[in-house]
PDB file of N, CA and C in Angstrom:
ATOM      1  N   MET A   1       2.620  19.301  15.399  1.00  0.00           N
ATOM      2  CA  MET A   1       3.793  19.111  14.653  1.00  0.00           C
ATOM      3  C   MET A   1       3.738  17.530  14.274  1.00  0.00           C
ATOM      4  N   LEU A   2       3.254  16.836  15.386  1.00  0.00           N
ATOM      5  CA  LEU A   2       3.120  15.253  15.159  1.00  0.00           C
ATOM      6  C   LEU A   2       2.324  14.721  14.224  1.00  0.00           C
ATOM      7  N   ARG A   3       1.278  15.372  13.938  1.00  0.00           N
ATOM      8  CA  ARG A   3       0.182  15.183  12.839  1.00  0.00           C
ATOM      9  C   ARG A   3       0.942  15.231  11.399  1.00  0.00           C
ATOM     10  N   GLU A   4       1.942  16.461  11.128  1.00  0.00           N
ATOM     11  CA  GLU A   4       2.180  16.773   9.884  1.00  0.00           C
ATOM     12  C   GLU A   4       3.592  15.353   9.293  1.00  0.00           C
ATOM     13  N   ARG A   5       4.008  15.233  10.366  1.00  0.00           N
ATOM     14  CA  ARG A   5       5.058  14.140   9.996  1.00  0.00           C
ATOM     15  C   ARG A   5       4.449  12.745   9.893  1.00  0.00           C
ATOM     16  N   VAL A   6       2.955  12.279  10.702  1.00  0.00           N
ATOM     17  CA  VAL A   6       2.240  11.167  10.444  1.00  0.00           C
ATOM     18  C   VAL A   6       1.630  10.887   9.277  1.00  0.00           C
ATOM     19  N   LEU A   7       0.758  12.365   8.860  1.00  0.00           N
ATOM     20  CA  LEU A   7       0.044  11.977   8.062  1.00  0.00           C
ATOM     21  C   LEU A   7       0.821  11.700   6.415  1.00  0.00           C
ATOM     22  N   PRO A   8       2.060  12.177   6.196  1.00  0.00           N
ATOM     23  CA  PRO A   8       2.893  11.587   5.291  1.00  0.00           C
ATOM     24  C   PRO A   8       3.583  10.410   5.519  1.00  0.00           C
ATOM     25  N   VAL A   9       3.374   9.707   6.100  1.00  0.00           N
ATOM     26  CA  VAL A   9       4.281   8.413   6.221  1.00  0.00           C
ATOM     27  C   VAL A   9       3.040   7.254   6.512  1.00  0.00           C
ATOM     28  N   ALA A  10       1.904   7.997   6.860  1.00  0.00           N
ATOM     29  CA  ALA A  10       0.639   7.048   6.485  1.00  0.00           C
ATOM     30  C   ALA A  10      -0.048   7.082   5.312  1.00  0.00           C
ATOM     31  N   THR A  11       0.587   7.864   4.665  1.00  0.00           N
ATOM     32  CA  THR A  11       0.061   8.147   3.216  1.00  0.00           C
ATOM     33  C   THR A  11       0.890   6.891   2.343  1.00  0.00           C
ATOM     34  N   VAL A  12       1.893   7.145   2.931  1.00  0.00           N
ATOM     35  CA  VAL A  12       2.988   6.517   2.242  1.00  0.00           C
ATOM     36  C   VAL A  12       2.702   4.990   2.272  1.00  0.00           C
ATOM     37  N   VAL A  13       2.532   4.462   3.644  1.00  0.00           N
ATOM     38  CA  VAL A  13       1.994   3.197   4.143  1.00  0.00           C
ATOM     39  C   VAL A  13       0.828   2.697   3.548  1.00  0.00           C
ATOM     40  N   PHE A  14       0.073   3.615   3.104  1.00  0.00           N
ATOM     41  CA  PHE A  14      -1.323   2.986   2.744  1.00  0.00           C
ATOM     42  C   PHE A  14      -0.909   2.869   1.203  1.00  0.00           C
ATOM     43  N   ALA A  15      -0.255   3.697   0.516  1.00  0.00           N
ATOM     44  CA  ALA A  15      -0.109   3.141  -0.926  1.00  0.00           C
ATOM     45  C   ALA A  15       0.930   2.018  -1.135  1.00  0.00           C
ATOM     46  N   ILE A  16       1.790   1.778  -0.166  1.00  0.00           N
ATOM     47  CA  ILE A  16       2.506   0.293  -0.428  1.00  0.00           C
ATOM     48  C   ILE A  16       1.607  -0.675   0.046  1.00  0.00           C
ATOM     49  N   LEU A  17       0.682  -0.439   0.879  1.00  0.00           N
ATOM     50  CA  LEU A  17      -0.479  -1.743   1.111  1.00  0.00           C
ATOM     51  C   LEU A  17      -1.239  -2.239  -0.299  1.00  0.00           C
ATOM     52  N   ALA A  18      -1.604  -0.816  -0.602  1.00  0.00           N
ATOM     53  CA  ALA A  18      -2.571  -1.156  -1.799  1.00  0.00           C
ATOM     54  C   ALA A  18      -2.067  -1.289  -3.167  1.00  0.00           C
ATOM     55  N   ILE A  19      -0.875  -0.965  -3.503  1.00  0.00           N
ATOM     56  CA  ILE A  19       0.104  -1.847  -4.586  1.00  0.00           C
ATOM     57  C   ILE A  19       0.202  -3.073  -4.076  1.00  0.00           C
ATOM     58  N   TRP A  20       0.471  -3.414  -2.663  1.00  0.00           N
ATOM     59  CA  TRP A  20       0.958  -4.799  -2.335  1.00  0.00           C
ATOM     60  C   TRP A  20      -0.043  -5.820  -3.178  1.00  0.00           C
ATOM     61  N   CYS A  21      -1.561  -5.490  -2.295  1.00  0.00           N
ATOM     62  CA  CYS A  21      -2.869  -6.211  -2.498  1.00  0.00           C
ATOM     63  C   CYS A  21      -3.019  -6.282  -3.871  1.00  0.00           C
ATOM     64  N   VAL A  22      -2.863  -5.466  -4.624  1.00  0.00           N
ATOM     65  CA  VAL A  22      -2.987  -5.671  -6.035  1.00  0.00           C
ATOM     66  C   VAL A  22      -1.950  -6.428  -6.665  1.00  0.00           C
ATOM     67  N   PHE A  23      -0.688  -6.253  -6.473  1.00  0.00           N
ATOM     68  CA  PHE A  23       0.275  -6.966  -7.332  1.00  0.00           C
ATOM     69  C   PHE A  23      -0.127  -8.873  -6.718  1.00  0.00           C
ATOM     70  N   VAL A  24      -0.579  -8.670  -5.124  1.00  0.00           N
ATOM     71  CA  VAL A  24      -0.590 -10.208  -4.771  1.00  0.00           C
ATOM     72  C   VAL A  24      -1.871 -10.436  -6.083  1.00  0.00           C
ATOM     73  N   VAL A  25      -2.806  -9.757  -5.903  1.00  0.00           N
ATOM     74  CA  VAL A  25      -4.148 -10.394  -6.537  1.00  0.00           C
ATOM     75  C   VAL A  25      -3.663 -10.914  -7.897  1.00  0.00           C
ATOM     76  N   VAL A  26      -2.672 -10.056  -8.587  1.00  0.00           N
ATOM     77  CA  VAL A  26      -2.739  -9.823 -10.421  1.00  0.00           C
ATOM     78  C   VAL A  26      -2.041 -11.369 -10.094  1.00  0.00           C
ATOM     79  N   MET A  27      -0.724 -11.380  -9.543  1.00  0.00           N
ATOM     80  CA  MET A  27       0.035 -12.691  -9.433  1.00  0.00           C
ATOM     81  C   MET A  27      -1.200 -13.983  -9.362  1.00  0.00           C
ATOM     82  N   ASN A  28      -1.868 -14.011  -8.223  1.00  0.00           N
ATOM     83  CA  ASN A  28      -3.011 -14.967  -7.724  1.00  0.00           C
ATOM     84  C   ASN A  28      -3.493 -15.256  -9.289  1.00  0.00           C
ATOM     85  N   ARG A  29      -3.856 -14.380  -9.922  1.00  0.00           N
ATOM     86  CA  ARG A  29      -4.625 -14.693 -11.297  1.00  0.00           C
ATOM     87  C   ARG A  29      -3.720 -15.236 -12.281  1.00  0.00           C
ATOM     88  N   GLN A  30      -2.601 -14.457 -12.767  1.00  0.00           N
ATOM     89  CA  GLN A  30      -1.911 -15.214 -13.603  1.00  0.00           C
ATOM     90  C   GLN A  30      -1.740 -16.869 -13.153  1.00  0.00           C
ATOM     91  N   PHE A  31      -1.377 -17.216 -11.921  1.00  0.00           N
ATOM     92  CA  PHE A  31      -1.193 -18.986 -11.268  1.00  0.00           C
ATOM     93  C   PHE A  31      -2.376 -19.915 -11.825  1.00  0.00           C
ATOM     94  N   VAL A  32      -3.527 -19.149 -11.032  1.00  0.00           N
ATOM     95  CA  VAL A  32      -4.796 -19.567 -11.494  1.00  0.00           C
ATOM     96  C   VAL A  32      -5.412 -19.794 -12.883  1.00  0.00           C
TER      97      VAL A  32
END
């Protein structure tokens, strides 16, 4: 039961981190 709850949470966290990384790269390209 624990895995069933951890998997969706880990997926959401991974997606947020990926979007944040892309956002940082885009912002850096605009300023530089």
